[in-house]
Amino acid sequence: MRRKTIIREIKEAEKKAEERINKAKAEAEKIIKKAEDESKKEKEKMIREANKKAQMEIKKAEKEAEKVASEILKKADEEIKKIEDKAMRKIDKAVEIVIERIIEG
């Protein structure tokens, strides 16, 4: 009888050990799942923040480009005005010469 009792106790100990192993495996799976979920959330957060920062940098670059373009257009307008003024003076001079020749004519 003593032998049967020992075998039964061994089987019970093995059963308890197996239950503990299964419980530990389930707990480990929960921990891994939680870590994966948190990792995924953190990754998504980092992507959102990176996209937000990129959009801010794009807007900043666009504003700077608009400023530079505005300055270039302003200088171009000033240069066009100078050329137009110079052309008008030459036209006025040419008209004066033609009128003088007609009158002298």
PDB file of N, CA and C in Angstrom:
ATOM      1  N   MET A   1       0.814  -1.196   0.000  1.00  0.00           N
ATOM      2  CA  MET A   1       0.000   0.000   0.000  1.00  0.00           C
ATOM      3  C   MET A   1       0.846   1.244   0.000  1.00  0.00           C
ATOM      4  N   ARG A   2       1.919   1.168   0.693  1.00  0.00           N
ATOM      5  CA  ARG A   2       2.790   2.324   0.798  1.00  0.00           C
ATOM      6  C   ARG A   2       3.265   2.738  -0.585  1.00  0.00           C
ATOM      7  N   ARG A   3       3.538   1.792  -1.415  1.00  0.00           N
ATOM      8  CA  ARG A   3       4.018   2.064  -2.769  1.00  0.00           C
ATOM      9  C   ARG A   3       2.946   2.792  -3.578  1.00  0.00           C
ATOM     10  N   LYS A   4       1.690   2.395  -3.468  1.00  0.00           N
ATOM     11  CA  LYS A   4       0.583   3.043  -4.170  1.00  0.00           C
ATOM     12  C   LYS A   4       0.417   4.480  -3.703  1.00  0.00           C
ATOM     13  N   THR A   5       0.587   4.711  -2.450  1.00  0.00           N
ATOM     14  CA  THR A   5       0.473   6.053  -1.895  1.00  0.00           C
ATOM     15  C   THR A   5       1.572   6.947  -2.464  1.00  0.00           C
ATOM     16  N   ILE A   6       2.764   6.426  -2.541  1.00  0.00           N
ATOM     17  CA  ILE A   6       3.888   7.208  -3.087  1.00  0.00           C
ATOM     18  C   ILE A   6       3.645   7.516  -4.558  1.00  0.00           C
ATOM     19  N   ILE A   7       3.172   6.521  -5.296  1.00  0.00           N
ATOM     20  CA  ILE A   7       2.893   6.730  -6.730  1.00  0.00           C
ATOM     21  C   ILE A   7       1.791   7.774  -6.890  1.00  0.00           C
ATOM     22  N   ARG A   8       0.746   7.682  -6.055  1.00  0.00           N
ATOM     23  CA  ARG A   8      -0.349   8.653  -6.123  1.00  0.00           C
ATOM     24  C   ARG A   8       0.171  10.052  -5.787  1.00  0.00           C
ATOM     25  N   GLU A   9       1.008  10.179  -4.797  1.00  0.00           N
ATOM     26  CA  GLU A   9       1.572  11.481  -4.422  1.00  0.00           C
ATOM     27  C   GLU A   9       2.454  12.032  -5.534  1.00  0.00           C
ATOM     28  N   ILE A  10       3.200  11.154  -6.170  1.00  0.00           N
ATOM     29  CA  ILE A  10       4.046  11.588  -7.299  1.00  0.00           C
ATOM     30  C   ILE A  10       3.170  12.097  -8.433  1.00  0.00           C
ATOM     31  N   LYS A  11       2.106  11.352  -8.745  1.00  0.00           N
ATOM     32  CA  LYS A  11       1.192  11.771  -9.815  1.00  0.00           C
ATOM     33  C   LYS A  11       0.529  13.104  -9.476  1.00  0.00           C
ATOM     34  N   GLU A  12       0.125  13.278  -8.232  1.00  0.00           N
ATOM     35  CA  GLU A  12      -0.469  14.543  -7.807  1.00  0.00           C
ATOM     36  C   GLU A  12       0.545  15.685  -7.913  1.00  0.00           C
ATOM     37  N   ALA A  13       1.777  15.396  -7.503  1.00  0.00           N
ATOM     38  CA  ALA A  13       2.831  16.419  -7.609  1.00  0.00           C
ATOM     39  C   ALA A  13       3.085  16.770  -9.066  1.00  0.00           C
ATOM     40  N   GLU A  14       3.089  15.749  -9.929  1.00  0.00           N
ATOM     41  CA  GLU A  14       3.275  16.001 -11.370  1.00  0.00           C
ATOM     42  C   GLU A  14       2.114  16.819 -11.920  1.00  0.00           C
ATOM     43  N   LYS A  15       0.888  16.479 -11.479  1.00  0.00           N
ATOM     44  CA  LYS A  15      -0.297  17.216 -11.932  1.00  0.00           C
ATOM     45  C   LYS A  15      -0.220  18.670 -11.488  1.00  0.00           C
ATOM     46  N   LYS A  16       0.152  18.898 -10.233  1.00  0.00           N
ATOM     47  CA  LYS A  16       0.283  20.270  -9.718  1.00  0.00           C
ATOM     48  C   LYS A  16       1.389  21.017 -10.462  1.00  0.00           C
ATOM     49  N   ALA A  17       2.487  20.308 -10.722  1.00  0.00           N
ATOM     50  CA  ALA A  17       3.592  20.937 -11.446  1.00  0.00           C
ATOM     51  C   ALA A  17       3.154  21.316 -12.859  1.00  0.00           C
ATOM     52  N   GLU A  18       2.409  20.407 -13.502  1.00  0.00           N
ATOM     53  CA  GLU A  18       1.913  20.691 -14.846  1.00  0.00           C
ATOM     54  C   GLU A  18       0.941  21.870 -14.825  1.00  0.00           C
ATOM     55  N   GLU A  19       0.082  21.926 -13.795  1.00  0.00           N
ATOM     56  CA  GLU A  19      -0.846  23.051 -13.664  1.00  0.00           C
ATOM     57  C   GLU A  19      -0.078  24.358 -13.474  1.00  0.00           C
ATOM     58  N   ARG A  20       0.979  24.306 -12.658  1.00  0.00           N
ATOM     59  CA  ARG A  20       1.801  25.505 -12.454  1.00  0.00           C
ATOM     60  C   ARG A  20       2.484  25.912 -13.754  1.00  0.00           C
ATOM     61  N   ILE A  21       2.988  24.929 -14.487  1.00  0.00           N
ATOM     62  CA  ILE A  21       3.646  25.223 -15.779  1.00  0.00           C
ATOM     63  C   ILE A  21       2.639  25.854 -16.726  1.00  0.00           C
ATOM     64  N   ASN A  22       1.445  25.267 -16.825  1.00  0.00           N
ATOM     65  CA  ASN A  22       0.411  25.818 -17.712  1.00  0.00           C
ATOM     66  C   ASN A  22       0.008  27.222 -17.282  1.00  0.00           C
ATOM     67  N   LYS A  23      -0.108  27.412 -15.971  1.00  0.00           N
ATOM     68  CA  LYS A  23      -0.452  28.738 -15.447  1.00  0.00           C
ATOM     69  C   LYS A  23       0.664  29.739 -15.781  1.00  0.00           C
ATOM     70  N   ALA A  24       1.904  29.328 -15.616  1.00  0.00           N
ATOM     71  CA  ALA A  24       3.046  30.198 -15.920  1.00  0.00           C
ATOM     72  C   ALA A  24       3.090  30.522 -17.414  1.00  0.00           C
ATOM     73  N   LYS A  25       2.793  29.509 -18.247  1.00  0.00           N
ATOM     74  CA  LYS A  25       2.767  29.750 -19.697  1.00  0.00           C
ATOM     75  C   LYS A  25       1.675  30.751 -20.054  1.00  0.00           C
ATOM     76  N   ALA A  26       0.492  30.576 -19.454  1.00  0.00           N
ATOM     77  CA  ALA A  26      -0.617  31.496 -19.722  1.00  0.00           C
ATOM     78  C   ALA A  26      -0.258  32.905 -19.268  1.00  0.00           C
ATOM     79  N   GLU A  27       0.369  33.023 -18.109  1.00  0.00           N
ATOM     80  CA  GLU A  27       0.787  34.334 -17.599  1.00  0.00           C
ATOM     81  C   GLU A  27       1.843  34.946 -18.526  1.00  0.00           C
ATOM     82  N   ALA A  28       2.762  34.119 -18.979  1.00  0.00           N
ATOM     83  CA  ALA A  28       3.802  34.607 -19.902  1.00  0.00           C
ATOM     84  C   ALA A  28       3.178  35.102 -21.199  1.00  0.00           C
ATOM     85  N   GLU A  29       2.192  34.361 -21.700  1.00  0.00           N
ATOM     86  CA  GLU A  29       1.497  34.787 -22.928  1.00  0.00           C
ATOM     87  C   GLU A  29       0.781  36.114 -22.719  1.00  0.00           C
ATOM     88  N   LYS A  30       0.160  36.283 -21.532  1.00  0.00           N
ATOM     89  CA  LYS A  30      -0.502  37.561 -21.221  1.00  0.00           C
ATOM     90  C   LYS A  30       0.509  38.699 -21.214  1.00  0.00           C
ATOM     91  N   ILE A  31       1.641  38.443 -20.570  1.00  0.00           N
ATOM     92  CA  ILE A  31       2.688  39.481 -20.484  1.00  0.00           C
ATOM     93  C   ILE A  31       3.201  39.833 -21.874  1.00  0.00           C
ATOM     94  N   ILE A  32       3.435  38.815 -22.699  1.00  0.00           N
ATOM     95  CA  ILE A  32       3.924  39.050 -24.062  1.00  0.00           C
ATOM     96  C   ILE A  32       2.888  39.828 -24.865  1.00  0.00           C
ATOM     97  N   LYS A  33       1.607  39.426 -24.762  1.00  0.00           N
ATOM     98  CA  LYS A  33       0.534  40.111 -25.482  1.00  0.00           C
ATOM     99  C   LYS A  33       0.447  41.568 -25.046  1.00  0.00           C
ATOM    100  N   LYS A  34       0.514  41.797 -23.749  1.00  0.00           N
ATOM    101  CA  LYS A  34       0.453  43.164 -23.230  1.00  0.00           C
ATOM    102  C   LYS A  34       1.634  43.986 -23.748  1.00  0.00           C
ATOM    103  N   ALA A  35       2.828  43.390 -23.730  1.00  0.00           N
ATOM    104  CA  ALA A  35       4.019  44.089 -24.224  1.00  0.00           C
ATOM    105  C   ALA A  35       3.889  44.398 -25.709  1.00  0.00           C
ATOM    106  N   GLU A  36       3.357  43.440 -26.474  1.00  0.00           N
ATOM    107  CA  GLU A  36       3.164  43.674 -27.912  1.00  0.00           C
ATOM    108  C   GLU A  36       2.160  44.792 -28.149  1.00  0.00           C
ATOM    109  N   ASP A  37       1.052  44.778 -27.385  1.00  0.00           N
ATOM    110  CA  ASP A  37       0.039  45.833 -27.521  1.00  0.00           C
ATOM    111  C   ASP A  37       0.615  47.201 -27.183  1.00  0.00           C
ATOM    112  N   GLU A  38       1.358  47.264 -26.079  1.00  0.00           N
ATOM    113  CA  GLU A  38       1.964  48.533 -25.682  1.00  0.00           C
ATOM    114  C   GLU A  38       2.992  48.985 -26.719  1.00  0.00           C
ATOM    115  N   SER A  39       3.740  48.043 -27.241  1.00  0.00           N
ATOM    116  CA  SER A  39       4.739  48.358 -28.264  1.00  0.00           C
ATOM    117  C   SER A  39       4.061  48.903 -29.521  1.00  0.00           C
ATOM    118  N   LYS A  40       2.958  48.262 -29.908  1.00  0.00           N
ATOM    119  CA  LYS A  40       2.208  48.715 -31.089  1.00  0.00           C
ATOM    120  C   LYS A  40       1.665  50.126 -30.873  1.00  0.00           C
ATOM    121  N   LYS A  41       1.103  50.365 -29.683  1.00  0.00           N
ATOM    122  CA  LYS A  41       0.570  51.699 -29.374  1.00  0.00           C
ATOM    123  C   LYS A  41       1.679  52.750 -29.400  1.00  0.00           C
ATOM    124  N   GLU A  42       2.811  52.408 -28.827  1.00  0.00           N
ATOM    125  CA  GLU A  42       3.935  53.346 -28.794  1.00  0.00           C
ATOM    126  C   GLU A  42       4.443  53.622 -30.209  1.00  0.00           C
ATOM    127  N   LYS A  43       4.508  52.568 -31.012  1.00  0.00           N
ATOM    128  CA  LYS A  43       4.947  52.728 -32.403  1.00  0.00           C
ATOM    129  C   LYS A  43       3.992  53.653 -33.152  1.00  0.00           C
ATOM    130  N   GLU A  44       2.685  53.431 -32.994  1.00  0.00           N
ATOM    131  CA  GLU A  44       1.686  54.273 -33.654  1.00  0.00           C
ATOM    132  C   GLU A  44       1.791  55.713 -33.167  1.00  0.00           C
ATOM    133  N   LYS A  45       2.024  55.893 -31.877  1.00  0.00           N
ATOM    134  CA  LYS A  45       2.176  57.240 -31.326  1.00  0.00           C
ATOM    135  C   LYS A  45       3.394  57.925 -31.936  1.00  0.00           C
ATOM    136  N   MET A  46       4.495  57.185 -32.029  1.00  0.00           N
ATOM    137  CA  MET A  46       5.714  57.761 -32.595  1.00  0.00           C
ATOM    138  C   MET A  46       5.512  58.124 -34.056  1.00  0.00           C
ATOM    139  N   ILE A  47       4.790  57.293 -34.790  1.00  0.00           N
ATOM    140  CA  ILE A  47       4.513  57.585 -36.199  1.00  0.00           C
ATOM    141  C   ILE A  47       3.654  58.839 -36.316  1.00  0.00           C
ATOM    142  N   ARG A  48       2.615  58.938 -35.462  1.00  0.00           N
ATOM    143  CA  ARG A  48       1.766  60.144 -35.489  1.00  0.00           C
ATOM    144  C   ARG A  48       2.584  61.392 -35.189  1.00  0.00           C
ATOM    145  N   GLU A  49       3.438  61.305 -34.163  1.00  0.00           N
ATOM    146  CA  GLU A  49       4.264  62.460 -33.796  1.00  0.00           C
ATOM    147  C   GLU A  49       5.238  62.814 -34.914  1.00  0.00           C
ATOM    148  N   ALA A  50       5.820  61.807 -35.546  1.00  0.00           N
ATOM    149  CA  ALA A  50       6.755  62.060 -36.650  1.00  0.00           C
ATOM    150  C   ALA A  50       6.028  62.708 -37.820  1.00  0.00           C
ATOM    151  N   ASN A  51       4.823  62.217 -38.124  1.00  0.00           N
ATOM    152  CA  ASN A  51       4.035  62.811 -39.204  1.00  0.00           C
ATOM    153  C   ASN A  51       3.656  64.251 -38.890  1.00  0.00           C
ATOM    154  N   LYS A  52       3.287  64.485 -37.643  1.00  0.00           N
ATOM    155  CA  LYS A  52       2.922  65.850 -37.224  1.00  0.00           C
ATOM    156  C   LYS A  52       4.127  66.777 -37.362  1.00  0.00           C
ATOM    157  N   LYS A  53       5.276  66.307 -36.903  1.00  0.00           N
ATOM    158  CA  LYS A  53       6.489  67.116 -37.003  1.00  0.00           C
ATOM    159  C   LYS A  53       6.853  67.360 -38.466  1.00  0.00           C
ATOM    160  N   ALA A  54       6.712  66.330 -39.284  1.00  0.00           N
ATOM    161  CA  ALA A  54       7.014  66.476 -40.716  1.00  0.00           C
ATOM    162  C   ALA A  54       6.089  67.513 -41.353  1.00  0.00           C
ATOM    163  N   GLN A  55       4.794  67.478 -41.003  1.00  0.00           N
ATOM    164  CA  GLN A  55       3.850  68.448 -41.543  1.00  0.00           C
ATOM    165  C   GLN A  55       4.216  69.869 -41.106  1.00  0.00           C
ATOM    166  N   MET A  56       4.645  70.008 -39.865  1.00  0.00           N
ATOM    167  CA  MET A  56       5.061  71.326 -39.377  1.00  0.00           C
ATOM    168  C   MET A  56       6.291  71.816 -40.148  1.00  0.00           C
ATOM    169  N   GLU A  57       7.235  70.910 -40.398  1.00  0.00           N
ATOM    170  CA  GLU A  57       8.438  71.281 -41.145  1.00  0.00           C
ATOM    171  C   GLU A  57       8.086  71.651 -42.587  1.00  0.00           C
ATOM    172  N   ILE A  58       7.145  70.913 -43.182  1.00  0.00           N
ATOM    173  CA  ILE A  58       6.705  71.221 -44.547  1.00  0.00           C
ATOM    174  C   ILE A  58       6.069  72.606 -44.591  1.00  0.00           C
ATOM    175  N   LYS A  59       5.189  72.893 -43.621  1.00  0.00           N
ATOM    176  CA  LYS A  59       4.546  74.213 -43.586  1.00  0.00           C
ATOM    177  C   LYS A  59       5.585  75.315 -43.398  1.00  0.00           C
ATOM    178  N   LYS A  60       6.553  75.063 -42.531  1.00  0.00           N
ATOM    179  CA  LYS A  60       7.615  76.042 -42.300  1.00  0.00           C
ATOM    180  C   LYS A  60       8.392  76.281 -43.593  1.00  0.00           C
ATOM    181  N   ALA A  61       8.733  75.215 -44.301  1.00  0.00           N
ATOM    182  CA  ALA A  61       9.477  75.329 -45.556  1.00  0.00           C
ATOM    183  C   ALA A  61       8.638  76.051 -46.609  1.00  0.00           C
ATOM    184  N   GLU A  62       7.337  75.759 -46.644  1.00  0.00           N
ATOM    185  CA  GLU A  62       6.456  76.433 -47.607  1.00  0.00           C
ATOM    186  C   GLU A  62       6.397  77.932 -47.333  1.00  0.00           C
ATOM    187  N   LYS A  63       6.294  78.312 -46.053  1.00  0.00           N
ATOM    188  CA  LYS A  63       6.262  79.735 -45.713  1.00  0.00           C
ATOM    189  C   LYS A  63       7.562  80.420 -46.109  1.00  0.00           C
ATOM    190  N   GLU A  64       8.671  79.740 -45.844  1.00  0.00           N
ATOM    191  CA  GLU A  64       9.979  80.300 -46.212  1.00  0.00           C
ATOM    192  C   GLU A  64      10.077  80.441 -47.724  1.00  0.00           C
ATOM    193  N   ALA A  65       9.605  79.424 -48.444  1.00  0.00           N
ATOM    194  CA  ALA A  65       9.641  79.473 -49.912  1.00  0.00           C
ATOM    195  C   ALA A  65       8.759  80.612 -50.434  1.00  0.00           C
ATOM    196  N   GLU A  66       7.591  80.791 -49.817  1.00  0.00           N
ATOM    197  CA  GLU A  66       6.710  81.892 -50.214  1.00  0.00           C
ATOM    198  C   GLU A  66       7.381  83.235 -49.964  1.00  0.00           C
ATOM    199  N   LYS A  67       8.083  83.359 -48.852  1.00  0.00           N
ATOM    200  CA  LYS A  67       8.781  84.600 -48.524  1.00  0.00           C
ATOM    201  C   LYS A  67       9.864  84.888 -49.563  1.00  0.00           C
ATOM    202  N   VAL A  68      10.653  83.860 -49.887  1.00  0.00           N
ATOM    203  CA  VAL A  68      11.719  84.022 -50.880  1.00  0.00           C
ATOM    204  C   VAL A  68      11.120  84.357 -52.241  1.00  0.00           C
ATOM    205  N   ALA A  69      10.052  83.651 -52.616  1.00  0.00           N
ATOM    206  CA  ALA A  69       9.397  83.908 -53.903  1.00  0.00           C
ATOM    207  C   ALA A  69       8.843  85.330 -53.943  1.00  0.00           C
ATOM    208  N   SER A  70       8.280  85.790 -52.842  1.00  0.00           N
ATOM    209  CA  SER A  70       7.738  87.143 -52.773  1.00  0.00           C
ATOM    210  C   SER A  70       8.843  88.181 -52.963  1.00  0.00           C
ATOM    211  N   GLU A  71       9.980  87.934 -52.325  1.00  0.00           N
ATOM    212  CA  GLU A  71      11.109  88.857 -52.480  1.00  0.00           C
ATOM    213  C   GLU A  71      11.610  88.871 -53.930  1.00  0.00           C
ATOM    214  N   ILE A  72      11.681  87.696 -54.547  1.00  0.00           N
ATOM    215  CA  ILE A  72      12.119  87.613 -55.944  1.00  0.00           C
ATOM    216  C   ILE A  72      11.137  88.354 -56.847  1.00  0.00           C
ATOM    217  N   LEU A  73       9.840  88.145 -56.621  1.00  0.00           N
ATOM    218  CA  LEU A  73       8.830  88.826 -57.436  1.00  0.00           C
ATOM    219  C   LEU A  73       8.897  90.341 -57.237  1.00  0.00           C
ATOM    220  N   LYS A  74       9.133  90.767 -56.013  1.00  0.00           N
ATOM    221  CA  LYS A  74       9.235  92.196 -55.734  1.00  0.00           C
ATOM    222  C   LYS A  74      10.416  92.792 -56.496  1.00  0.00           C
ATOM    223  N   LYS A  75      11.560  92.116 -56.447  1.00  0.00           N
ATOM    224  CA  LYS A  75      12.734  92.603 -57.175  1.00  0.00           C
ATOM    225  C   LYS A  75      12.489  92.595 -58.681  1.00  0.00           C
ATOM    226  N   ALA A  76      11.808  91.535 -59.158  1.00  0.00           N
ATOM    227  CA  ALA A  76      11.495  91.459 -60.593  1.00  0.00           C
ATOM    228  C   ALA A  76      10.568  92.600 -60.996  1.00  0.00           C
ATOM    229  N   ASP A  77       9.564  92.896 -60.157  1.00  0.00           N
ATOM    230  CA  ASP A  77       8.649  94.010 -60.443  1.00  0.00           C
ATOM    231  C   ASP A  77       9.405  95.341 -60.474  1.00  0.00           C
ATOM    232  N   GLU A  78      10.337  95.521 -59.543  1.00  0.00           N
ATOM    233  CA  GLU A  78      11.133  96.751 -59.518  1.00  0.00           C
ATOM    234  C   GLU A  78      11.984  96.860 -60.790  1.00  0.00           C
ATOM    235  N   GLU A  79      12.569  95.736 -61.198  1.00  0.00           N
ATOM    236  CA  GLU A  79      13.398  95.741 -62.410  1.00  0.00           C
ATOM    237  C   GLU A  79      12.545  96.021 -63.648  1.00  0.00           C
ATOM    238  N   ILE A  80      11.362  95.443 -63.697  1.00  0.00           N
ATOM    239  CA  ILE A  80      10.449  95.699 -64.829  1.00  0.00           C
ATOM    240  C   ILE A  80      10.075  97.176 -64.869  1.00  0.00           C
ATOM    241  N   LYS A  81       9.805  97.742 -63.707  1.00  0.00           N
ATOM    242  CA  LYS A  81       9.444  99.178 -63.629  1.00  0.00           C
ATOM    243  C   LYS A  81      10.588 100.045 -64.145  1.00  0.00           C
ATOM    244  N   LYS A  82      11.820  99.701 -63.749  1.00  0.00           N
ATOM    245  CA  LYS A  82      12.988 100.460 -64.230  1.00  0.00           C
ATOM    246  C   LYS A  82      13.108 100.367 -65.747  1.00  0.00           C
ATOM    247  N   ILE A  83      12.937  99.144 -66.275  1.00  0.00           N
ATOM    248  CA  ILE A  83      13.036  98.955 -67.732  1.00  0.00           C
ATOM    249  C   ILE A  83      11.930  99.725 -68.444  1.00  0.00           C
ATOM    250  N   GLU A  84      10.701  99.671 -67.899  1.00  0.00           N
ATOM    251  CA  GLU A  84       9.589 100.404 -68.497  1.00  0.00           C
ATOM    252  C   GLU A  84       9.840 101.909 -68.464  1.00  0.00           C
ATOM    253  N   ASP A  85      10.335 102.417 -67.333  1.00  0.00           N
ATOM    254  CA  ASP A  85      10.627 103.852 -67.220  1.00  0.00           C
ATOM    255  C   ASP A  85      11.686 104.261 -68.237  1.00  0.00           C
ATOM    256  N   LYS A  86      12.721 103.441 -68.339  1.00  0.00           N
ATOM    257  CA  LYS A  86      13.796 103.737 -69.289  1.00  0.00           C
ATOM    258  C   LYS A  86      13.253 103.708 -70.719  1.00  0.00           C
ATOM    259  N   ALA A  87      12.408 102.739 -71.019  1.00  0.00           N
ATOM    260  CA  ALA A  87      11.818 102.642 -72.358  1.00  0.00           C
ATOM    261  C   ALA A  87      10.924 103.838 -72.635  1.00  0.00           C
ATOM    262  N   MET A  88      10.155 104.278 -71.641  1.00  0.00           N
ATOM    263  CA  MET A  88       9.268 105.431 -71.843  1.00  0.00           C
ATOM    264  C   MET A  88      10.075 106.707 -72.092  1.00  0.00           C
ATOM    265  N   ARG A  89      11.214 106.864 -71.375  1.00  0.00           N
ATOM    266  CA  ARG A  89      12.061 108.040 -71.612  1.00  0.00           C
ATOM    267  C   ARG A  89      12.606 108.024 -73.038  1.00  0.00           C
ATOM    268  N   LYS A  90      12.984 106.829 -73.491  1.00  0.00           N
ATOM    269  CA  LYS A  90      13.511 106.724 -74.857  1.00  0.00           C
ATOM    270  C   LYS A  90      12.413 106.992 -75.879  1.00  0.00           C
ATOM    271  N   ILE A  91      11.201 106.515 -75.583  1.00  0.00           N
ATOM    272  CA  ILE A  91      10.079 106.779 -76.496  1.00  0.00           C
ATOM    273  C   ILE A  91       9.792 108.273 -76.528  1.00  0.00           C
ATOM    274  N   ASP A  92       9.771 108.912 -75.335  1.00  0.00           N
ATOM    275  CA  ASP A  92       9.538 110.354 -75.267  1.00  0.00           C
ATOM    276  C   ASP A  92      10.602 111.109 -76.070  1.00  0.00           C
ATOM    277  N   LYS A  93      11.851 110.699 -75.926  1.00  0.00           N
ATOM    278  CA  LYS A  93      12.963 111.328 -76.650  1.00  0.00           C
ATOM    279  C   LYS A  93      12.789 111.134 -78.151  1.00  0.00           C
ATOM    280  N   ALA A  94      12.392 109.890 -78.531  1.00  0.00           N
ATOM    281  CA  ALA A  94      12.195 109.600 -79.951  1.00  0.00           C
ATOM    282  C   ALA A  94      11.056 110.446 -80.519  1.00  0.00           C
ATOM    283  N   VAL A  95       9.986 110.612 -79.765  1.00  0.00           N
ATOM    284  CA  VAL A  95       8.849 111.426 -80.217  1.00  0.00           C
ATOM    285  C   VAL A  95       9.295 112.874 -80.392  1.00  0.00           C
ATOM    286  N   GLU A  96      10.097 113.377 -79.460  1.00  0.00           N
ATOM    287  CA  GLU A  96      10.606 114.747 -79.567  1.00  0.00           C
ATOM    288  C   GLU A  96      11.423 114.914 -80.846  1.00  0.00           C
ATOM    289  N   ILE A  97      12.280 113.943 -81.126  1.00  0.00           N
ATOM    290  CA  ILE A  97      13.132 114.022 -82.326  1.00  0.00           C
ATOM    291  C   ILE A  97      12.271 114.003 -83.579  1.00  0.00           C
ATOM    292  N   VAL A  98      11.281 113.143 -83.619  1.00  0.00           N
ATOM    293  CA  VAL A  98      10.410 113.051 -84.799  1.00  0.00           C
ATOM    294  C   VAL A  98       9.648 114.362 -84.978  1.00  0.00           C
ATOM    295  N   ILE A  99       9.128 114.918 -83.883  1.00  0.00           N
ATOM    296  CA  ILE A  99       8.385 116.188 -83.976  1.00  0.00           C
ATOM    297  C   ILE A  99       9.306 117.304 -84.455  1.00  0.00           C
ATOM    298  N   GLU A 100      10.543 117.360 -83.956  1.00  0.00           N
ATOM    299  CA  GLU A 100      11.477 118.391 -84.404  1.00  0.00           C
ATOM    300  C   GLU A 100      11.753 118.279 -85.901  1.00  0.00           C
ATOM    301  N   ARG A 101      11.912 117.064 -86.366  1.00  0.00           N
ATOM    302  CA  ARG A 101      12.205 116.862 -87.784  1.00  0.00           C
ATOM    303  C   ARG A 101      11.009 117.230 -88.649  1.00  0.00           C
ATOM    304  N   ILE A 102       9.818 116.950 -88.117  1.00  0.00           N
ATOM    305  CA  ILE A 102       8.625 117.312 -88.890  1.00  0.00           C
ATOM    306  C   ILE A 102       8.525 118.830 -88.963  1.00  0.00           C
ATOM    307  N   ILE A 103       8.746 119.488 -87.844  1.00  0.00           N
ATOM    308  CA  ILE A 103       8.633 120.937 -87.803  1.00  0.00           C
ATOM    309  C   ILE A 103       9.725 121.570 -88.646  1.00  0.00           C
ATOM    310  N   GLU A 104      10.932 121.047 -88.601  1.00  0.00           N
ATOM    311  CA  GLU A 104      12.051 121.600 -89.368  1.00  0.00           C
ATOM    312  C   GLU A 104      11.901 121.265 -90.826  1.00  0.00           C
ATOM    313  N   GLY A 105      11.246 120.205 -91.061  1.00  0.00           N
ATOM    314  CA  GLY A 105      11.098 119.601 -92.252  1.00  0.00           C
ATOM    315  C   GLY A 105      10.947 119.934 -93.576  1.00  0.00           C
TER     316      GLY A 105
END
